[in-house]
Protein backbone atom coordinates (compact mmCIF):
# COMPACT_ATOMS: atom_id res chain seq x y z
CA UNK A 1 5.03 -0.57 -13.71
CA UNK A 2 3.00 2.25 -15.26
CA UNK A 3 -0.13 2.34 -13.12
CA UNK A 4 -1.27 5.70 -14.51
CA UNK A 5 -2.07 4.15 -17.89
CA UNK A 6 -4.16 1.37 -16.31
CA UNK A 7 -6.43 3.21 -13.88
CA UNK A 8 -10.00 4.13 -14.76
CA UNK A 9 -10.70 7.81 -15.42
CA UNK A 10 -13.40 10.19 -14.19
CA UNK A 11 -14.42 13.45 -15.87
CA UNK A 12 -17.42 14.53 -13.79
CA UNK A 13 -19.84 13.64 -16.58
CA UNK A 14 -21.52 10.54 -18.01
CA UNK A 15 -23.01 7.57 -16.19
CA UNK A 16 -20.08 6.75 -13.88
CA UNK A 17 -20.76 7.98 -10.34
CA UNK A 18 -18.05 9.40 -8.11
CA UNK A 19 -18.65 6.65 -5.53
CA UNK A 20 -18.22 3.97 -8.20
CA UNK A 21 -14.98 5.62 -9.33
CA UNK A 22 -13.64 5.62 -5.75
CA UNK A 23 -14.56 1.95 -5.30
CA UNK A 24 -12.91 0.95 -8.60
CA UNK A 25 -9.80 2.94 -7.75
CA UNK A 26 -9.57 1.37 -4.26
CA UNK A 27 -10.00 -2.09 -5.81
CA UNK A 28 -7.12 -1.41 -8.19
CA UNK A 29 -4.84 -0.08 -5.43
CA UNK A 30 -5.57 -3.18 -3.35
CA UNK A 31 -4.99 -5.65 -6.17
CA UNK A 32 -1.70 -3.96 -7.08
CA UNK A 33 -0.72 -3.68 -3.39
CA UNK A 34 -0.04 0.05 -3.66
CA UNK A 35 0.23 1.22 -0.04
CA UNK A 36 2.25 4.43 -0.25
CA UNK A 37 0.01 7.40 0.62
CA UNK A 38 1.76 9.86 -1.74
CA UNK A 39 1.65 7.43 -4.66
CA UNK A 40 -2.08 6.80 -4.16
CA UNK A 41 -2.77 10.55 -4.00
CA UNK A 42 -0.79 11.15 -7.19
CA UNK A 43 -2.52 8.31 -9.03
CA UNK A 44 -5.96 9.45 -7.88
CA UNK A 45 -5.18 12.91 -9.27
CA UNK A 46 -4.16 11.27 -12.56
CA UNK A 47 -7.53 9.50 -12.69
CA UNK A 48 -9.34 12.86 -13.00
CA UNK A 49 -9.71 14.54 -16.37
CA UNK A 50 -12.00 17.06 -18.03
CA UNK A 51 -14.14 18.83 -15.43
CA UNK A 52 -12.71 16.62 -12.70
CA UNK A 53 -9.17 17.69 -13.51
CA UNK A 54 -10.18 21.38 -13.65
CA UNK A 55 -11.66 21.03 -10.17
CA UNK A 56 -8.50 19.36 -8.83
CA UNK A 57 -6.18 22.02 -10.27
CA UNK A 58 -8.10 24.66 -8.31
CA UNK A 59 -6.41 23.48 -5.08
CA UNK A 60 -3.07 25.07 -4.10
CA UNK A 61 -0.03 22.75 -3.96
CA UNK A 62 0.18 20.60 -0.80
CA UNK A 63 -3.25 21.76 0.37
CA UNK A 64 -4.59 18.17 0.31
CA UNK A 65 -2.79 16.37 3.13
CA UNK A 66 -4.00 12.77 2.95
CA UNK A 67 -5.43 10.20 0.54
CA UNK A 68 -8.60 9.74 2.63
CA UNK A 69 -9.02 13.52 2.77
CA UNK A 70 -8.61 13.71 -1.01
CA UNK A 71 -11.34 11.13 -1.59
CA UNK A 72 -13.61 12.83 0.96
CA UNK A 73 -13.53 16.26 -0.67
CA UNK A 74 -13.83 14.62 -4.09
CA UNK A 75 -17.01 12.80 -3.04
CA UNK A 76 -18.41 15.93 -1.40
CA UNK A 77 -18.04 17.75 -4.72
CA UNK A 78 -18.94 15.10 -7.27
CA UNK A 79 -21.02 12.38 -5.69
CA UNK A 80 -24.69 12.49 -6.59
CA UNK A 81 -27.12 12.67 -3.71
CA UNK A 82 -28.38 9.13 -3.36
CA UNK A 83 -31.84 8.06 -2.25
CA UNK A 84 -31.58 7.60 1.55
CA UNK A 85 -32.70 3.97 1.44
CA UNK A 86 -30.04 3.25 -1.19
CA UNK A 87 -27.36 4.61 1.14
CA UNK A 88 -28.72 2.51 3.99
CA UNK A 89 -28.72 -0.57 1.77
CA UNK A 90 -25.09 0.09 0.81
CA UNK A 91 -24.22 0.32 4.51
CA UNK A 92 -26.08 -2.90 5.37
CA UNK A 93 -24.21 -4.77 2.62
CA UNK A 94 -20.72 -3.57 3.53
CA UNK A 95 -18.21 -6.41 3.41
CA UNK A 96 -14.48 -6.45 3.99
CA UNK A 97 -12.75 -7.20 0.70
CA UNK A 98 -10.22 -9.99 0.67
CA UNK A 99 -7.23 -7.78 -0.15
CA UNK A 100 -8.40 -4.91 2.09
CA UNK A 101 -6.57 -4.10 5.33
CA UNK A 102 -8.65 -3.35 8.42
CA UNK A 103 -7.44 0.26 8.24
CA UNK A 104 -8.77 0.60 4.68
CA UNK A 105 -12.03 -1.13 5.60
CA UNK A 106 -12.50 1.16 8.62
CA UNK A 107 -12.08 4.24 6.43
CA UNK A 108 -14.59 2.91 3.91
CA UNK A 109 -17.02 1.89 6.64
CA UNK A 110 -16.93 5.36 8.23
CA UNK A 111 -17.32 7.07 4.86
CA UNK A 112 -20.50 5.13 4.10
CA UNK A 113 -21.83 5.38 7.66
CA UNK A 114 -21.41 9.16 7.70
CA UNK A 115 -23.29 9.48 4.40
CA UNK A 116 -26.53 8.04 5.91
CA UNK A 117 -29.16 10.73 6.60
CA UNK A 118 -29.58 11.44 10.31
CA UNK A 119 -33.22 10.39 10.48
CA UNK A 120 -32.46 6.80 9.42
CA UNK A 121 -28.85 6.53 10.58
CA UNK A 122 -28.18 3.56 12.91
CA UNK A 123 -26.89 4.50 16.35
CA UNK A 124 -23.12 4.22 16.96
CA UNK A 125 -23.83 1.23 19.23
CA UNK A 126 -25.64 -0.59 16.40
CA UNK A 127 -22.87 0.45 13.98
CA UNK A 128 -20.29 -1.19 16.25
CA UNK A 129 -22.19 -4.48 16.06
CA UNK A 130 -22.43 -4.24 12.28
CA UNK A 131 -18.74 -3.34 11.90
CA UNK A 132 -17.64 -6.63 13.51
CA UNK A 133 -19.75 -8.84 11.20
CA UNK A 134 -17.31 -9.12 8.23
CA UNK A 135 -14.49 -10.56 10.35
CA UNK A 136 -14.00 -14.27 11.02
CA UNK A 137 -15.19 -15.77 14.31
CA UNK A 138 -11.91 -15.65 16.23
CA UNK A 139 -11.10 -12.11 15.12
CA UNK A 140 -14.64 -10.93 15.95
CA UNK A 141 -14.50 -12.59 19.39
CA UNK A 142 -11.18 -10.92 20.26
CA UNK A 143 -12.53 -7.59 19.05
CA UNK A 144 -15.73 -7.87 21.09
CA UNK A 145 -13.67 -8.72 24.19
CA UNK A 146 -12.09 -5.27 23.92
CA UNK A 147 -15.50 -3.74 24.74
CA UNK A 148 -14.74 -0.59 22.76
CA UNK A 149 -16.67 2.40 24.09
CA UNK A 150 -17.03 4.19 20.75
CA UNK A 151 -16.89 3.34 17.06
CA UNK A 152 -13.59 5.23 16.57
CA UNK A 153 -12.14 3.37 19.56
CA UNK A 154 -13.21 0.10 17.93
CA UNK A 155 -11.22 1.04 14.82
CA UNK A 156 -8.09 1.38 16.96
CA UNK A 157 -8.83 -1.89 18.79
CA UNK A 158 -9.24 -3.62 15.40
CA UNK A 159 -5.71 -2.57 14.40
CA UNK A 160 -4.36 -3.94 17.67
CA UNK A 161 -6.18 -7.26 17.24
CA UNK A 162 -4.88 -7.55 13.68
CA UNK A 163 -1.31 -6.76 14.76
CA UNK A 164 -1.44 -9.27 17.63
CA UNK A 165 -2.87 -12.04 15.45
CA UNK A 166 -0.28 -11.32 12.78
CA UNK A 167 2.55 -11.46 15.34
CA UNK A 168 1.29 -14.81 16.62
CA UNK A 169 1.04 -16.20 13.08
CA UNK A 170 -2.75 -16.51 13.10
CA UNK A 171 -3.02 -13.99 10.26
CA UNK A 172 -0.65 -14.14 7.33
CA UNK A 173 0.61 -11.01 5.57
CA UNK A 174 -0.85 -10.43 2.11
CA UNK A 175 0.75 -12.89 -0.28
CA UNK A 176 3.52 -11.73 -2.55
CA UNK A 177 2.46 -11.94 -6.18
CA UNK A 178 4.75 -13.10 -8.96
CA UNK A 179 3.60 -10.49 -11.48
CA UNK A 180 5.46 -12.13 -14.37
CA UNK A 181 3.39 -15.29 -13.98
CA UNK A 182 0.27 -13.67 -12.48
CA UNK A 183 0.04 -16.04 -9.55
CA UNK A 184 1.09 -16.30 -5.94
CA UNK A 185 4.82 -16.76 -5.60
CA UNK A 186 5.95 -20.07 -4.10
CA UNK A 187 7.83 -19.84 -0.79
CA UNK A 188 11.56 -20.43 -0.86
CA UNK A 189 12.88 -23.76 0.33
CA UNK A 190 16.19 -22.28 1.48
CA UNK A 191 17.33 -22.47 5.09
CA UNK A 192 16.69 -18.74 5.50
CA UNK A 193 13.03 -19.02 4.51
CA UNK A 194 11.74 -19.29 8.08
CA UNK A 195 13.79 -16.30 9.25
CA UNK A 196 12.67 -14.23 6.27
CA UNK A 197 9.03 -15.05 7.01
CA UNK A 198 9.40 -14.05 10.68
CA UNK A 199 11.17 -10.83 9.70
CA UNK A 200 8.50 -9.96 7.16
CA UNK A 201 5.79 -10.67 9.73
CA UNK A 202 7.54 -8.40 12.22
CA UNK A 203 7.68 -5.60 9.65
CA UNK A 204 4.01 -6.04 8.86
CA UNK A 205 3.20 -5.89 12.56
CA UNK A 206 5.14 -2.66 12.90
CA UNK A 207 3.24 -1.22 9.93
CA UNK A 208 -0.06 -2.02 11.63
CA UNK A 209 1.04 -0.34 14.83
CA UNK A 210 2.08 2.74 12.86
CA UNK A 211 -1.38 2.70 11.27
CA UNK A 212 -2.83 2.62 14.78
CA UNK A 213 -0.88 5.69 15.85
CA UNK A 214 -1.96 7.50 12.69
CA UNK A 215 -5.61 6.74 13.35
CA UNK A 216 -5.27 7.78 17.00
CA UNK A 217 -3.92 11.18 15.96
CA UNK A 218 -6.74 11.69 13.47
CA UNK A 219 -9.37 10.64 16.02
CA UNK A 220 -8.02 13.02 18.64
CA UNK A 221 -8.46 15.93 16.22
CA UNK A 222 -11.88 14.64 15.13
CA UNK A 223 -13.19 14.22 18.70
CA UNK A 224 -11.90 17.65 19.70
CA UNK A 225 -13.93 19.19 16.88
CA UNK A 226 -17.12 17.32 17.80
CA UNK A 227 -19.87 19.62 19.18
């Protein structure tokens, strides 16, 4: 499927803000279930043209190491400085999107939280309370029971809660989509259906644990660089 021809474009001019472009791009990646980091980075580069593309070509090959890092430097360069109260309002209205993994939501939450000016920025303790709000009651209860000491630690605990609930069958993996018919594919009635479901759930659980290890490594570097 040719995603590059279907993504929205950004040229650094006009009425489309950089933040809006990032949100639209993330929506598209979620709806199309594009999870591969390299593919997302390549497609995001394809979404830039004009002045945006000139800016991107300035970077040496392989100098941008992650998709989140790519979006961060893009926003630092192109995002307009918003009115502080607008940023705070965006933070207060943060919701987890239906197709969004907790890892993706955590990245988006931290990006918005870090953009709030220091004089009106909620404390990390208050941010932890707000972060839990979008999750359902059982998930939120299990997360609160972890008693995470810091906001980054809560992100790791969230991945563990998600993985455990997925392994126990309380959370289902994102539904496979029959793209030819544009609707959710019906489960197979064959005798192997149950085994396939368990195997898929196990793979999804492993993916979440890998996500956890990735976040842990990033947080270790981040905390070491904190003043």
